[in-house]
Protein backbone atom coordinates (compact mmCIF):
# COMPACT_ATOMS: atom_id res chain seq x y z
CA ARG A 1 -1.30 -4.20 0.34
CA LEU A 2 -1.34 -0.50 1.07
CA ALA A 3 -3.60 1.53 -1.18
CA THR A 4 -2.20 4.10 -3.59
CA VAL A 5 -3.69 7.14 -5.30
CA ALA A 6 -4.38 4.91 -8.32
CA ASP A 7 -6.85 2.90 -6.18
CA ILE A 8 -9.00 5.91 -5.30
CA PRO A 9 -11.58 5.61 -8.12
CA GLU A 10 -12.23 1.96 -7.27
CA LEU A 11 -12.30 2.76 -3.54
CA ALA A 12 -14.89 5.46 -4.21
CA GLY A 13 -17.11 2.95 -6.02
CA MET A 14 -16.77 0.50 -3.14
CA ARG A 15 -17.60 3.23 -0.60
CA TRP A 16 -20.73 4.06 -2.62
CA ALA A 17 -21.75 0.38 -2.67
CA PHE A 18 -20.96 -0.01 1.04
CA ARG A 19 -23.18 2.88 2.10
CA ALA A 20 -25.97 1.87 -0.33
CA GLU A 21 -25.90 -1.63 1.14
CA ALA A 22 -26.32 -0.05 4.59
CA GLY A 23 -29.50 1.66 3.35
CA GLU A 24 -28.22 5.22 3.04
CA LEU A 25 -29.98 7.42 0.51
CA PRO A 26 -27.53 9.56 -1.48
CA ARG A 27 -27.88 13.34 -1.63
CA GLU A 28 -25.70 13.60 -4.74
CA ASP A 29 -25.05 11.47 -7.79
CA GLU A 30 -22.28 8.90 -7.78
CA ALA A 31 -19.94 10.99 -9.97
CA ALA A 32 -20.14 14.00 -7.62
CA PHE A 33 -19.58 11.73 -4.63
CA ALA A 34 -16.58 10.08 -6.33
CA GLU A 35 -15.01 13.48 -6.92
CA ARG A 36 -15.53 14.53 -3.29
CA TYR A 37 -14.23 11.17 -2.06
CA ALA A 38 -11.15 11.40 -4.30
CA THR A 39 -10.30 14.83 -2.90
CA PHE A 40 -10.62 13.62 0.70
CA VAL A 41 -8.79 10.31 0.33
CA GLY A 42 -6.12 11.76 -1.97
CA ALA A 43 -5.30 14.46 0.58
CA GLY A 44 -5.34 11.90 3.40
CA LEU A 45 -2.96 9.53 1.62
CA ALA A 46 -0.64 12.38 0.59
CA SER A 47 -0.42 13.80 4.12
CA GLY A 48 -0.20 10.42 5.84
CA ALA A 49 -3.28 11.24 7.91
CA TRP A 50 -5.04 8.20 6.46
CA THR A 51 -3.69 4.76 5.64
CA TYR A 52 -5.76 2.35 3.52
CA TRP A 53 -5.27 -1.39 3.09
CA VAL A 54 -6.79 -3.20 0.14
CA ALA A 55 -7.21 -6.78 -1.03
CA ALA A 56 -7.47 -7.57 -4.72
CA ASP A 57 -8.51 -10.52 -6.88
CA ALA A 58 -7.43 -10.59 -10.53
CA GLY A 59 -6.47 -6.93 -10.28
CA ALA A 60 -9.83 -5.73 -8.92
CA LEU A 61 -10.24 -4.50 -5.35
CA VAL A 62 -12.45 -6.76 -3.23
CA ALA A 63 -11.97 -5.35 0.29
CA HIS A 64 -10.53 -2.36 2.09
CA MET A 65 -10.00 -0.82 5.54
CA ALA A 66 -8.75 2.61 6.59
CA VAL A 67 -7.12 4.02 9.71
CA CYS A 68 -6.73 7.62 10.76
CA VAL A 69 -4.12 8.08 13.48
CA VAL A 70 -5.29 10.44 16.18
CA SER A 71 -2.72 12.15 18.39
CA GLY A 72 -3.62 12.43 22.04
CA VAL A 73 -2.67 15.19 24.41
CA PRO A 74 0.94 14.54 25.50
CA ARG A 75 1.55 12.68 28.75
CA PRO A 76 4.73 12.75 30.81
CA SER A 77 4.96 8.94 30.69
CA ARG A 78 5.13 8.56 26.88
CA PRO A 79 7.01 10.28 24.08
CA SER A 80 3.97 9.77 21.83
CA ASP A 81 0.34 9.02 22.59
CA GLN A 82 -1.72 7.94 19.59
CA TRP A 83 -4.66 5.73 18.76
CA GLY A 84 -6.24 4.58 15.53
CA TYR A 85 -9.72 5.26 14.21
CA LEU A 86 -10.58 2.23 12.05
CA THR A 87 -13.29 2.86 9.47
CA ASP A 88 -14.44 2.29 5.90
CA CYS A 89 -14.13 -1.49 6.31
CA TYR A 90 -15.84 -3.27 3.44
CA THR A 91 -15.65 -6.57 1.59
CA ARG A 92 -17.60 -7.09 -1.60
CA PRO A 93 -20.52 -9.50 -0.96
CA GLY A 94 -19.17 -12.28 -3.19
CA TYR A 95 -15.92 -12.39 -1.19
CA ARG A 96 -17.32 -12.44 2.34
CA GLY A 97 -16.68 -15.40 4.61
CA ALA A 98 -13.36 -16.25 2.92
CA GLY A 99 -11.11 -14.69 5.58
CA ILE A 100 -10.17 -11.63 3.52
CA GLY A 101 -11.47 -9.14 6.09
CA SER A 102 -9.74 -11.03 8.90
CA ALA A 103 -6.45 -11.02 6.97
CA LEU A 104 -6.73 -7.26 6.30
CA LEU A 105 -7.55 -6.60 9.95
CA ALA A 106 -4.52 -8.65 11.04
CA ARG A 107 -2.33 -6.45 8.83
CA VAL A 108 -3.92 -3.31 10.24
CA ARG A 109 -3.34 -4.56 13.78
CA ALA A 110 0.32 -5.43 13.11
CA TRP A 111 0.84 -1.98 11.55
CA ALA A 112 -0.84 -0.28 14.53
CA GLU A 113 1.26 -2.23 17.03
CA GLY A 114 4.38 -1.35 15.05
CA ARG A 115 3.48 2.34 15.37
CA ASP A 116 2.90 1.88 19.12
CA LEU A 117 -0.74 2.92 18.91
CA GLU A 118 -2.55 2.55 22.20
CA LEU A 119 -5.73 1.12 20.67
CA LEU A 120 -7.90 0.77 17.61
CA LEU A 121 -11.45 2.07 17.82
CA VAL A 122 -14.31 1.29 15.44
CA TRP A 123 -18.06 1.91 15.35
CA PRO A 124 -19.33 -1.46 14.08
CA SER A 125 -22.66 -2.03 12.42
CA ASP A 126 -25.00 -4.63 13.88
CA THR A 127 -23.88 -7.09 11.23
CA SER A 128 -20.15 -6.53 11.80
CA THR A 129 -20.08 -6.68 15.62
CA ALA A 130 -19.32 -10.43 15.65
CA PHE A 131 -16.41 -9.90 13.22
CA TYR A 132 -14.76 -7.36 15.52
CA THR A 133 -15.49 -9.41 18.64
CA ARG A 134 -13.70 -12.41 17.07
CA ALA A 135 -10.72 -10.12 16.43
CA GLY A 136 -10.52 -9.16 20.11
CA PHE A 137 -12.43 -5.87 20.15
CA GLY A 138 -14.53 -5.20 23.25
CA GLN A 139 -17.83 -3.31 23.16
CA ALA A 140 -18.71 -0.13 25.01
CA ASP A 141 -21.79 1.92 24.11
CA GLY A 142 -21.67 1.05 20.41
CA VAL A 143 -17.92 1.60 20.11
CA ALA A 144 -15.62 -1.39 19.78
CA VAL A 145 -12.11 -1.00 21.20
CA LEU A 146 -9.04 -3.18 20.71
CA PRO A 147 -6.32 -2.36 23.26
CA LEU A 148 -2.88 -2.76 21.70
CA ARG A 149 -0.70 -2.04 24.72
CA ALA A 150 -1.11 -1.75 28.45
CA TYR A 151 -1.89 1.63 29.88
CA ASP A 152 1.09 3.23 31.54
CA PRO A 153 1.18 3.03 35.32
CA PRO A 154 0.80 6.30 37.21
CA LEU A 155 3.97 8.17 38.06
CA SER A 156 5.33 7.46 41.54
CA PRO A 157 5.14 10.35 44.00
C-alpha cells in the first residue's frame, strides 16, 4: 500500500536500521534523526514529491520503497519528460527472501509506467545488485536503470 503520514515514525526506525545494517556510523542520536526524517518525508508526502510504498505484517511495517519523480528539461517530442529516482528500499531481515521486495517493486514499476516515467534509476548496494538485475535493471557505473518506455525517435527534418 501507499504510505501515509501515520507511517513516518515506523519508516524512520526502519531507515535507521537500514543504514546501521549498511555500517554507517550515526552523527546524531536516533530521536534527532527521527525528527529530521519526519520533517523531510512529511513534506515530501504532502507535496507529492515523494511516494512511499510499504508492506505490513500484523500491522507492523516490514518493507518499504520510495520514489522521487524528477522532471527533465522539456523536449518537443513529449508533453512531459520524467523519470523516477528509486531509493530507501529496505526489507526487515526476518522477511527477506519471501518475495515482499519483489512485490513492492512490481507495484512501483506499475505506478511508474502509469505515470509515463521514462525510467527508474537506483544506486544498488553490492548485496542488492542481483535483486535489481532480476527485476530487469541494467548496470552502468554503479547505477542501475530500468527503462520503462522506448526513447522517442528524433524529429524528421
